[in-house]
Amino acid sequence: MKGLGAVLSAFVPLALLVAPAASAQDLKIGYVNSERILRDSQPARAATQKLEQEFAKRDRELQDLGTKLKQSAERFEKEAPVLSETDRNRRQRELAETDREFQRRQREFREDLNQRRNEELQVLLERAQRIVRQIADQEKYDLIVQDAVFFSPRVDITDRVLRTLNNGK
């Protein structure tokens, strides 16, 4: 009997190791590449176009101001040797003030653009997450991950999410 106890004590831990592996095979796992959703979906492209149109006027104004600032600086550099010290100091102050204004407007532009981009992307990501949940419910997924270090193409459901997003559902 002593031999049977040794066999059983060796078998039970082995059975415990095999049991979780067998149940893990029953899990249905999916993967979604959020980077592709944000890059390749029709709503993402539409949001990018919308933002470009929304900010185009301010961008042109900034470019014009930058061009004028550069031209003024170049003109000052050429004329500086012949200007009186008073005129040279005045023009330097004017250039510095214009440069500060340009920097401030550039910073505000970037902040506004980033805020609007984040708002648009948040709406898109929320839609994508609703679609992922629908797919998970309909197809009985146990786990869906995004942005994994490794995934098998067989568990990638990104194309299905993209199709649904692009169809406007």
C-alpha atoms as a PDB file:
ATOM      1  CA  MET A   1       0.000   0.000   0.000  1.00  0.00           C
ATOM      2  CA  LYS A   2       2.897   2.271   0.625  1.00  0.00           C
ATOM      3  CA  GLY A   3       3.610   2.252  -3.157  1.00  0.00           C
ATOM      4  CA  LEU A   4      -0.002   3.245  -4.006  1.00  0.00           C
ATOM      5  CA  GLY A   5       0.166   6.256  -1.652  1.00  0.00           C
ATOM      6  CA  ALA A   6       3.359   7.427  -3.319  1.00  0.00           C
ATOM      7  CA  VAL A   7       1.773   7.078  -6.756  1.00  0.00           C
ATOM      8  CA  LEU A   8      -1.361   8.962  -5.657  1.00  0.00           C
ATOM      9  CA  SER A   9       0.630  11.720  -4.000  1.00  0.00           C
ATOM     10  CA  ALA A  10       2.581  12.160  -7.243  1.00  0.00           C
ATOM     11  CA  PHE A  11      -0.595  12.031  -9.403  1.00  0.00           C
ATOM     12  CA  VAL A  12      -2.723  14.584  -7.504  1.00  0.00           C
ATOM     13  CA  PRO A  13      -0.356  17.555  -8.004  1.00  0.00           C
ATOM     14  CA  LEU A  14       0.017  16.575 -11.667  1.00  0.00           C
ATOM     15  CA  ALA A  15      -3.771  16.508 -12.074  1.00  0.00           C
ATOM     16  CA  LEU A  16      -4.039  19.938 -10.471  1.00  0.00           C
ATOM     17  CA  LEU A  17      -1.539  21.326 -12.970  1.00  0.00           C
ATOM     18  CA  VAL A  18      -3.353  19.842 -15.964  1.00  0.00           C
ATOM     19  CA  ALA A  19      -6.868  20.900 -14.881  1.00  0.00           C
ATOM     20  CA  PRO A  20      -6.320  24.681 -15.219  1.00  0.00           C
ATOM     21  CA  ALA A  21      -4.675  24.210 -18.607  1.00  0.00           C
ATOM     22  CA  ALA A  22      -7.669  22.266 -19.851  1.00  0.00           C
ATOM     23  CA  SER A  23     -10.108  24.935 -18.693  1.00  0.00           C
ATOM     24  CA  ALA A  24      -7.933  27.690 -20.173  1.00  0.00           C
ATOM     25  CA  GLN A  25      -8.493  26.118 -23.583  1.00  0.00           C
ATOM     26  CA  ASP A  26     -12.208  26.796 -23.144  1.00  0.00           C
ATOM     27  CA  LEU A  27     -11.571  30.525 -22.777  1.00  0.00           C
ATOM     28  CA  LYS A  28     -12.405  32.662 -25.773  1.00  0.00           C
ATOM     29  CA  ILE A  29      -9.895  35.500 -26.008  1.00  0.00           C
ATOM     30  CA  GLY A  30      -9.775  38.394 -28.471  1.00  0.00           C
ATOM     31  CA  TYR A  31      -7.377  41.216 -29.232  1.00  0.00           C
ATOM     32  CA  VAL A  32      -8.058  44.744 -30.516  1.00  0.00           C
ATOM     33  CA  ASN A  33      -5.320  46.998 -31.873  1.00  0.00           C
ATOM     34  CA  SER A  34      -6.422  50.478 -30.729  1.00  0.00           C
ATOM     35  CA  GLU A  35      -3.640  52.116 -32.735  1.00  0.00           C
ATOM     36  CA  ARG A  36      -5.146  50.721 -35.944  1.00  0.00           C
ATOM     37  CA  ILE A  37      -8.600  51.878 -34.855  1.00  0.00           C
ATOM     38  CA  LEU A  38      -7.302  55.433 -34.378  1.00  0.00           C
ATOM     39  CA  ARG A  39      -5.337  55.355 -37.628  1.00  0.00           C
ATOM     40  CA  ASP A  40      -7.391  53.308 -40.099  1.00  0.00           C
ATOM     41  CA  SER A  41     -11.037  53.853 -39.250  1.00  0.00           C
ATOM     42  CA  GLN A  42     -13.238  56.108 -41.345  1.00  0.00           C
ATOM     43  CA  PRO A  43     -14.423  58.038 -38.249  1.00  0.00           C
ATOM     44  CA  ALA A  44     -10.770  58.724 -37.302  1.00  0.00           C
ATOM     45  CA  ARG A  45     -10.036  60.068 -40.789  1.00  0.00           C
ATOM     46  CA  ALA A  46     -13.235  62.164 -40.675  1.00  0.00           C
ATOM     47  CA  ALA A  47     -12.244  63.583 -37.272  1.00  0.00           C
ATOM     48  CA  THR A  48      -8.792  64.481 -38.604  1.00  0.00           C
ATOM     49  CA  GLN A  49     -10.342  66.252 -41.592  1.00  0.00           C
ATOM     50  CA  LYS A  50     -12.796  68.070 -39.332  1.00  0.00           C
ATOM     51  CA  LEU A  51      -9.948  69.285 -37.105  1.00  0.00           C
ATOM     52  CA  GLU A  52      -7.879  70.405 -40.092  1.00  0.00           C
ATOM     53  CA  GLN A  53     -10.804  72.474 -41.354  1.00  0.00           C
ATOM     54  CA  GLU A  54     -11.582  73.837 -37.900  1.00  0.00           C
ATOM     55  CA  PHE A  55      -8.004  74.998 -37.298  1.00  0.00           C
ATOM     56  CA  ALA A  56      -6.959  75.914 -40.858  1.00  0.00           C
ATOM     57  CA  LYS A  57      -7.649  79.643 -40.501  1.00  0.00           C
ATOM     58  CA  ARG A  58      -5.674  79.964 -37.260  1.00  0.00           C
ATOM     59  CA  ASP A  59      -2.841  77.909 -38.737  1.00  0.00           C
ATOM     60  CA  ARG A  60      -2.638  80.219 -41.780  1.00  0.00           C
ATOM     61  CA  GLU A  61      -2.691  83.283 -39.510  1.00  0.00           C
ATOM     62  CA  LEU A  62       0.174  81.837 -37.460  1.00  0.00           C
ATOM     63  CA  GLN A  63       2.177  81.032 -40.573  1.00  0.00           C
ATOM     64  CA  ASP A  64       1.624  84.582 -41.862  1.00  0.00           C
ATOM     65  CA  LEU A  65       2.681  86.074 -38.530  1.00  0.00           C
ATOM     66  CA  GLY A  66       5.782  83.846 -38.484  1.00  0.00           C
ATOM     67  CA  THR A  67       6.683  84.944 -42.011  1.00  0.00           C
ATOM     68  CA  LYS A  68       6.231  88.624 -41.115  1.00  0.00           C
ATOM     69  CA  LEU A  69       8.340  88.162 -37.991  1.00  0.00           C
ATOM     70  CA  LYS A  70      11.122  86.527 -39.997  1.00  0.00           C
ATOM     71  CA  GLN A  71      11.028  89.280 -42.626  1.00  0.00           C
ATOM     72  CA  SER A  72      11.101  91.967 -39.931  1.00  0.00           C
ATOM     73  CA  ALA A  73      14.084  90.303 -38.254  1.00  0.00           C
ATOM     74  CA  GLU A  74      15.946  90.053 -41.566  1.00  0.00           C
ATOM     75  CA  ARG A  75      15.175  93.698 -42.357  1.00  0.00           C
ATOM     76  CA  PHE A  76      16.372  94.729 -38.897  1.00  0.00           C
ATOM     77  CA  GLU A  77      19.631  92.787 -39.335  1.00  0.00           C
ATOM     78  CA  LYS A  78      20.320  94.637 -42.611  1.00  0.00           C
ATOM     79  CA  GLU A  79      19.388  98.067 -41.282  1.00  0.00           C
ATOM     80  CA  ALA A  80      20.804  97.787 -37.742  1.00  0.00           C
ATOM     81  CA  PRO A  81      24.293  99.098 -38.582  1.00  0.00           C
ATOM     82  CA  VAL A  82      22.920 102.387 -39.939  1.00  0.00           C
ATOM     83  CA  LEU A  83      20.204 102.963 -37.307  1.00  0.00           C
ATOM     84  CA  SER A  84      20.657 105.244 -34.363  1.00  0.00           C
ATOM     85  CA  GLU A  85      20.970 103.512 -31.020  1.00  0.00           C
ATOM     86  CA  THR A  86      17.486 104.709 -30.016  1.00  0.00           C
ATOM     87  CA  ASP A  87      15.874 103.353 -33.213  1.00  0.00           C
ATOM     88  CA  ARG A  88      17.826 100.123 -32.960  1.00  0.00           C
ATOM     89  CA  ASN A  89      16.648  99.583 -29.331  1.00  0.00           C
ATOM     90  CA  ARG A  90      13.047 100.456 -30.243  1.00  0.00           C
ATOM     91  CA  ARG A  91      13.000  98.024 -33.171  1.00  0.00           C
ATOM     92  CA  GLN A  92      14.608  95.301 -31.036  1.00  0.00           C
ATOM     93  CA  ARG A  93      11.853  95.745 -28.434  1.00  0.00           C
ATOM     94  CA  GLU A  94       9.196  95.631 -31.161  1.00  0.00           C
ATOM     95  CA  LEU A  95      10.718  92.437 -32.583  1.00  0.00           C
ATOM     96  CA  ALA A  96      10.920  90.859 -29.126  1.00  0.00           C
ATOM     97  CA  GLU A  97       7.287  91.804 -28.428  1.00  0.00           C
ATOM     98  CA  THR A  98       6.141  90.410 -31.776  1.00  0.00           C
ATOM     99  CA  ASP A  99       8.115  87.220 -31.109  1.00  0.00           C
ATOM    100  CA  ARG A 100       6.500  86.810 -27.663  1.00  0.00           C
ATOM    101  CA  GLU A 101       3.061  87.316 -29.220  1.00  0.00           C
ATOM    102  CA  PHE A 102       3.882  84.754 -31.903  1.00  0.00           C
ATOM    103  CA  GLN A 103       5.109  82.231 -29.301  1.00  0.00           C
ATOM    104  CA  ARG A 104       1.995  82.781 -27.145  1.00  0.00           C
ATOM    105  CA  ARG A 105      -0.370  82.340 -30.086  1.00  0.00           C
ATOM    106  CA  GLN A 106       1.525  79.227 -31.220  1.00  0.00           C
ATOM    107  CA  ARG A 107       1.271  77.706 -27.739  1.00  0.00           C
ATOM    108  CA  GLU A 108      -2.455  78.492 -27.514  1.00  0.00           C
ATOM    109  CA  PHE A 109      -2.987  76.991 -30.961  1.00  0.00           C
ATOM    110  CA  ARG A 110      -1.214  73.752 -29.997  1.00  0.00           C
ATOM    111  CA  GLU A 111      -3.113  73.531 -26.704  1.00  0.00           C
ATOM    112  CA  ASP A 112      -6.486  74.110 -28.395  1.00  0.00           C
ATOM    113  CA  LEU A 113      -5.690  71.654 -31.175  1.00  0.00           C
ATOM    114  CA  ASN A 114      -4.559  68.978 -28.702  1.00  0.00           C
ATOM    115  CA  GLN A 115      -7.652  69.475 -26.572  1.00  0.00           C
ATOM    116  CA  ARG A 116      -9.987  69.174 -29.577  1.00  0.00           C
ATOM    117  CA  ARG A 117      -8.050  66.153 -30.893  1.00  0.00           C
ATOM    118  CA  ASN A 118      -8.375  64.445 -27.513  1.00  0.00           C
ATOM    119  CA  GLU A 119     -12.117  65.192 -27.455  1.00  0.00           C
ATOM    120  CA  GLU A 120     -12.595  63.706 -30.924  1.00  0.00           C
ATOM    121  CA  LEU A 121     -10.456  60.653 -30.131  1.00  0.00           C
ATOM    122  CA  GLN A 122     -12.326  60.079 -26.874  1.00  0.00           C
ATOM    123  CA  VAL A 123     -15.634  59.944 -28.757  1.00  0.00           C
ATOM    124  CA  LEU A 124     -14.114  57.497 -31.254  1.00  0.00           C
ATOM    125  CA  LEU A 125     -12.615  55.294 -28.523  1.00  0.00           C
ATOM    126  CA  GLU A 126     -15.931  55.181 -26.660  1.00  0.00           C
ATOM    127  CA  ARG A 127     -17.696  54.059 -29.850  1.00  0.00           C
ATOM    128  CA  ALA A 128     -15.015  51.425 -30.446  1.00  0.00           C
ATOM    129  CA  GLN A 129     -15.341  50.154 -26.864  1.00  0.00           C
ATOM    130  CA  ARG A 130     -19.138  49.827 -27.262  1.00  0.00           C
ATOM    131  CA  ILE A 131     -18.549  47.812 -30.443  1.00  0.00           C
ATOM    132  CA  VAL A 132     -15.979  45.603 -28.691  1.00  0.00           C
ATOM    133  CA  ARG A 133     -18.481  44.955 -25.868  1.00  0.00           C
ATOM    134  CA  GLN A 134     -21.181  44.085 -28.415  1.00  0.00           C
ATOM    135  CA  ILE A 135     -18.868  41.627 -30.155  1.00  0.00           C
ATOM    136  CA  ALA A 136     -17.874  40.161 -26.770  1.00  0.00           C
ATOM    137  CA  ASP A 137     -21.521  39.689 -25.769  1.00  0.00           C
ATOM    138  CA  GLN A 138     -22.663  38.325 -29.132  1.00  0.00           C
ATOM    139  CA  GLU A 139     -19.779  35.915 -29.591  1.00  0.00           C
ATOM    140  CA  LYS A 140     -19.309  34.971 -25.917  1.00  0.00           C
ATOM    141  CA  TYR A 141     -15.761  36.225 -25.427  1.00  0.00           C
ATOM    142  CA  ASP A 142     -14.302  35.728 -21.958  1.00  0.00           C
ATOM    143  CA  LEU A 143     -11.552  38.301 -22.413  1.00  0.00           C
ATOM    144  CA  ILE A 144     -10.676  40.953 -24.984  1.00  0.00           C
ATOM    145  CA  VAL A 145      -7.382  42.822 -24.589  1.00  0.00           C
ATOM    146  CA  GLN A 146      -5.905  45.743 -26.421  1.00  0.00           C
ATOM    147  CA  ASP A 147      -2.300  46.743 -26.995  1.00  0.00           C
ATOM    148  CA  ALA A 148      -0.738  43.402 -26.101  1.00  0.00           C
ATOM    149  CA  VAL A 149       2.960  42.623 -26.338  1.00  0.00           C
ATOM    150  CA  PHE A 150       2.159  39.524 -28.372  1.00  0.00           C
ATOM    151  CA  PHE A 151      -1.010  38.167 -29.945  1.00  0.00           C
ATOM    152  CA  SER A 152      -1.876  35.536 -32.471  1.00  0.00           C
ATOM    153  CA  PRO A 153      -3.632  36.795 -35.601  1.00  0.00           C
ATOM    154  CA  ARG A 154      -6.276  34.174 -34.914  1.00  0.00           C
ATOM    155  CA  VAL A 155      -7.538  36.171 -31.888  1.00  0.00           C
ATOM    156  CA  ASP A 156      -7.313  39.617 -33.561  1.00  0.00           C
ATOM    157  CA  ILE A 157     -10.809  41.106 -33.934  1.00  0.00           C
ATOM    158  CA  THR A 158      -9.595  44.560 -34.982  1.00  0.00           C
ATOM    159  CA  ASP A 159     -10.857  44.158 -38.558  1.00  0.00           C
ATOM    160  CA  ARG A 160     -14.375  43.353 -37.298  1.00  0.00           C
ATOM    161  CA  VAL A 161     -14.324  46.413 -35.058  1.00  0.00           C
ATOM    162  CA  LEU A 162     -13.089  48.560 -37.967  1.00  0.00           C
ATOM    163  CA  ARG A 163     -15.809  47.232 -40.295  1.00  0.00           C
ATOM    164  CA  THR A 164     -18.503  48.016 -37.741  1.00  0.00           C
ATOM    165  CA  LEU A 165     -17.054  51.494 -37.041  1.00  0.00           C
ATOM    166  CA  ASN A 166     -16.803  52.239 -40.761  1.00  0.00           C
ATOM    167  CA  ASN A 167     -20.398  51.128 -41.339  1.00  0.00           C
ATOM    168  CA  GLY A 168     -21.516  53.665 -38.760  1.00  0.00           C
ATOM    169  CA  LYS A 169     -23.137  51.201 -36.383  1.00  0.00           C
END
